[in-house]
Amino acid sequence: MAFKFENLKVWQLALELTDEVDRLAHTFPKHELYSLSSQIRRAANSVSLNIVEGSTGLTNAEFRRFLVIANRSALEVVGCLYLAKRRHYLTDEKFANLYNQIEILVRMIQALINSLTE
C-alpha cells in the first residue's frame, strides 16, 4: 500500500462505517434525502476522510487535529442515529449495532490521538 493511512486499522474501520451508513441512509424515506440522509452520509464520510487528510500532514500535531475532527464527525453520526431511531427509520438492533461500531471507532481514534507525541 502506497499511503500511510491505508495501513491504519482505524481508517479501515471508518470505511466500514461509511458503507454501513450509506446502506442505512438508502432505507430512509425520500423526504429525508436532502436532510437526515445527506447529513448522516456526510458525517460518516468525514470520519474516514479526516483520517486520510491528517495522515498526510507533516507533524503529529496536525494529524491529531484532524483526528479530533474525525472523532467529532463520528459523534455526529451517533446524533443522526438517534434522530433516525426517534423517527422509526431503523430498528433498535440496527441502532445498537451501529452505535457499538462507532463506540469502538471513537476509542480507536482516541487511542491514536493519545499515541501521537508532540
C-alpha atoms as a PDB file:
ATOM      1  CA  MET A   1       0.000   0.000   0.000  1.00  0.00           C
ATOM      2  CA  ALA A   2       1.345   3.362  -1.029  1.00  0.00           C
ATOM      3  CA  PHE A   3      -0.166   5.721   1.517  1.00  0.00           C
ATOM      4  CA  LYS A   4       0.258   5.781   5.293  1.00  0.00           C
ATOM      5  CA  PHE A   5      -3.468   5.821   6.054  1.00  0.00           C
ATOM      6  CA  GLU A   6      -4.126   2.617   4.105  1.00  0.00           C
ATOM      7  CA  ASN A   7      -2.408   0.568   6.810  1.00  0.00           C
ATOM      8  CA  LEU A   8      -4.332   2.175   9.681  1.00  0.00           C
ATOM      9  CA  LYS A   9      -6.927  -0.157  11.221  1.00  0.00           C
ATOM     10  CA  VAL A  10      -8.847   2.904  12.384  1.00  0.00           C
ATOM     11  CA  TRP A  11      -9.210   4.089   8.785  1.00  0.00           C
ATOM     12  CA  GLN A  12     -10.310   0.639   7.628  1.00  0.00           C
ATOM     13  CA  LEU A  13     -12.994   0.573  10.347  1.00  0.00           C
ATOM     14  CA  ALA A  14     -14.073   4.092   9.351  1.00  0.00           C
ATOM     15  CA  LEU A  15     -14.526   2.861   5.774  1.00  0.00           C
ATOM     16  CA  GLU A  16     -16.728   0.031   7.016  1.00  0.00           C
ATOM     17  CA  LEU A  17     -18.798   2.598   8.895  1.00  0.00           C
ATOM     18  CA  THR A  18     -19.318   4.677   5.743  1.00  0.00           C
ATOM     19  CA  ASP A  19     -20.578   1.595   3.917  1.00  0.00           C
ATOM     20  CA  GLU A  20     -22.980   0.693   6.739  1.00  0.00           C
ATOM     21  CA  VAL A  21     -24.278   4.252   6.999  1.00  0.00           C
ATOM     22  CA  ASP A  22     -24.734   4.503   3.242  1.00  0.00           C
ATOM     23  CA  ARG A  23     -26.801   1.308   3.197  1.00  0.00           C
ATOM     24  CA  LEU A  24     -28.860   2.596   6.121  1.00  0.00           C
ATOM     25  CA  ALA A  25     -29.452   6.022   4.557  1.00  0.00           C
ATOM     26  CA  HIS A  26     -30.815   4.352   1.417  1.00  0.00           C
ATOM     27  CA  THR A  27     -33.642   2.964   3.541  1.00  0.00           C
ATOM     28  CA  PHE A  28     -34.750   6.378   4.847  1.00  0.00           C
ATOM     29  CA  PRO A  29     -37.891   7.947   3.379  1.00  0.00           C
ATOM     30  CA  LYS A  30     -37.456  10.059   0.253  1.00  0.00           C
ATOM     31  CA  HIS A  31     -38.357  13.250   2.113  1.00  0.00           C
ATOM     32  CA  GLU A  32     -35.133  12.788   4.137  1.00  0.00           C
ATOM     33  CA  LEU A  33     -32.938  12.698   1.021  1.00  0.00           C
ATOM     34  CA  TYR A  34     -31.625  16.245   1.435  1.00  0.00           C
ATOM     35  CA  SER A  35     -31.701  16.340   5.200  1.00  0.00           C
ATOM     36  CA  LEU A  36     -31.015  13.404   7.508  1.00  0.00           C
ATOM     37  CA  SER A  37     -29.885  11.001   4.742  1.00  0.00           C
ATOM     38  CA  SER A  38     -27.420  13.554   3.438  1.00  0.00           C
ATOM     39  CA  GLN A  39     -26.263  14.638   6.894  1.00  0.00           C
ATOM     40  CA  ILE A  40     -25.516  11.150   8.195  1.00  0.00           C
ATOM     41  CA  ARG A  41     -23.649  10.231   4.992  1.00  0.00           C
ATOM     42  CA  ARG A  42     -21.544  13.388   5.106  1.00  0.00           C
ATOM     43  CA  ALA A  43     -20.709  12.861   8.774  1.00  0.00           C
ATOM     44  CA  ALA A  44     -19.682   9.234   8.184  1.00  0.00           C
ATOM     45  CA  ASN A  45     -17.589  10.192   5.157  1.00  0.00           C
ATOM     46  CA  SER A  46     -15.935  12.918   7.195  1.00  0.00           C
ATOM     47  CA  VAL A  47     -14.577  10.390   9.678  1.00  0.00           C
ATOM     48  CA  SER A  48     -12.552   8.450   7.118  1.00  0.00           C
ATOM     49  CA  LEU A  49     -11.624  11.491   5.045  1.00  0.00           C
ATOM     50  CA  ASN A  50     -10.248  13.404   8.031  1.00  0.00           C
ATOM     51  CA  ILE A  51      -8.118  10.407   8.983  1.00  0.00           C
ATOM     52  CA  VAL A  52      -6.766  10.387   5.423  1.00  0.00           C
ATOM     53  CA  GLU A  53      -6.155  14.121   5.296  1.00  0.00           C
ATOM     54  CA  GLY A  54      -4.490  14.221   8.697  1.00  0.00           C
ATOM     55  CA  SER A  55      -2.215  11.287   7.959  1.00  0.00           C
ATOM     56  CA  THR A  56      -0.619  13.186   5.098  1.00  0.00           C
ATOM     57  CA  GLY A  57       0.427  16.065   7.354  1.00  0.00           C
ATOM     58  CA  LEU A  58       3.963  16.848   8.266  1.00  0.00           C
ATOM     59  CA  THR A  59       3.526  16.871  12.043  1.00  0.00           C
ATOM     60  CA  ASN A  60       1.861  14.771  14.718  1.00  0.00           C
ATOM     61  CA  ALA A  61       0.106  17.905  15.981  1.00  0.00           C
ATOM     62  CA  GLU A  62      -1.529  18.358  12.588  1.00  0.00           C
ATOM     63  CA  PHE A  63      -2.530  14.683  12.464  1.00  0.00           C
ATOM     64  CA  ARG A  64      -4.028  14.991  15.961  1.00  0.00           C
ATOM     65  CA  ARG A  65      -6.081  17.995  14.869  1.00  0.00           C
ATOM     66  CA  PHE A  66      -7.656  16.022  12.021  1.00  0.00           C
ATOM     67  CA  LEU A  67      -8.238  13.010  14.270  1.00  0.00           C
ATOM     68  CA  VAL A  68     -10.162  15.232  16.689  1.00  0.00           C
ATOM     69  CA  ILE A  69     -12.337  16.349  13.770  1.00  0.00           C
ATOM     70  CA  ALA A  70     -12.825  12.697  12.768  1.00  0.00           C
ATOM     71  CA  ASN A  71     -13.939  11.914  16.329  1.00  0.00           C
ATOM     72  CA  ARG A  72     -16.432  14.768  16.284  1.00  0.00           C
ATOM     73  CA  SER A  73     -17.819  13.539  12.986  1.00  0.00           C
ATOM     74  CA  ALA A  74     -18.236  10.042  14.427  1.00  0.00           C
ATOM     75  CA  LEU A  75     -20.240  11.542  17.281  1.00  0.00           C
ATOM     76  CA  GLU A  76     -22.325  13.452  14.750  1.00  0.00           C
ATOM     77  CA  VAL A  77     -23.197  10.101  13.169  1.00  0.00           C
ATOM     78  CA  VAL A  78     -24.393   8.940  16.607  1.00  0.00           C
ATOM     79  CA  GLY A  79     -26.582  12.032  16.857  1.00  0.00           C
ATOM     80  CA  CYS A  80     -28.056  11.274  13.449  1.00  0.00           C
ATOM     81  CA  LEU A  81     -28.682   7.672  14.506  1.00  0.00           C
ATOM     82  CA  TYR A  82     -30.686   8.919  17.468  1.00  0.00           C
ATOM     83  CA  LEU A  83     -32.784  11.098  15.163  1.00  0.00           C
ATOM     84  CA  ALA A  84     -33.334   8.185  12.793  1.00  0.00           C
ATOM     85  CA  LYS A  85     -34.321   5.947  15.684  1.00  0.00           C
ATOM     86  CA  ARG A  86     -36.812   8.506  17.026  1.00  0.00           C
ATOM     87  CA  ARG A  87     -38.314   8.754  13.536  1.00  0.00           C
ATOM     88  CA  HIS A  88     -38.549   4.950  13.323  1.00  0.00           C
ATOM     89  CA  TYR A  89     -36.175   4.647  10.344  1.00  0.00           C
ATOM     90  CA  LEU A  90     -34.139   1.872  11.956  1.00  0.00           C
ATOM     91  CA  THR A  91     -34.653  -0.928  14.407  1.00  0.00           C
ATOM     92  CA  ASP A  92     -33.297  -0.953  17.937  1.00  0.00           C
ATOM     93  CA  GLU A  93     -30.991  -3.785  16.887  1.00  0.00           C
ATOM     94  CA  LYS A  94     -29.565  -1.857  13.921  1.00  0.00           C
ATOM     95  CA  PHE A  95     -29.148   1.211  16.119  1.00  0.00           C
ATOM     96  CA  ALA A  96     -27.269  -0.828  18.746  1.00  0.00           C
ATOM     97  CA  ASN A  97     -25.003  -2.458  16.150  1.00  0.00           C
ATOM     98  CA  LEU A  98     -24.013   0.858  14.576  1.00  0.00           C
ATOM     99  CA  TYR A  99     -23.696   2.542  17.965  1.00  0.00           C
ATOM    100  CA  ASN A 100     -21.300  -0.192  19.125  1.00  0.00           C
ATOM    101  CA  GLN A 101     -19.288   0.058  15.908  1.00  0.00           C
ATOM    102  CA  ILE A 102     -18.918   3.814  16.369  1.00  0.00           C
ATOM    103  CA  GLU A 103     -18.040   3.399  20.032  1.00  0.00           C
ATOM    104  CA  ILE A 104     -15.145   1.117  19.055  1.00  0.00           C
ATOM    105  CA  LEU A 105     -14.091   3.516  16.299  1.00  0.00           C
ATOM    106  CA  VAL A 106     -14.096   6.521  18.655  1.00  0.00           C
ATOM    107  CA  ARG A 107     -11.968   4.599  21.176  1.00  0.00           C
ATOM    108  CA  MET A 108      -9.509   3.679  18.421  1.00  0.00           C
ATOM    109  CA  ILE A 109      -9.272   7.264  17.186  1.00  0.00           C
ATOM    110  CA  GLN A 110      -8.742   8.495  20.751  1.00  0.00           C
ATOM    111  CA  ALA A 111      -6.024   5.884  21.313  1.00  0.00           C
ATOM    112  CA  LEU A 112      -4.288   7.031  18.139  1.00  0.00           C
ATOM    113  CA  ILE A 113      -4.537  10.648  19.283  1.00  0.00           C
ATOM    114  CA  ASN A 114      -3.039   9.692  22.640  1.00  0.00           C
ATOM    115  CA  SER A 115      -0.205   7.784  20.980  1.00  0.00           C
ATOM    116  CA  LEU A 116       0.997  10.763  18.963  1.00  0.00           C
ATOM    117  CA  THR A 117       3.747  12.768  20.619  1.00  0.00           C
ATOM    118  CA  GLU A 118       4.499  16.410  20.049  1.00  0.00           C
END
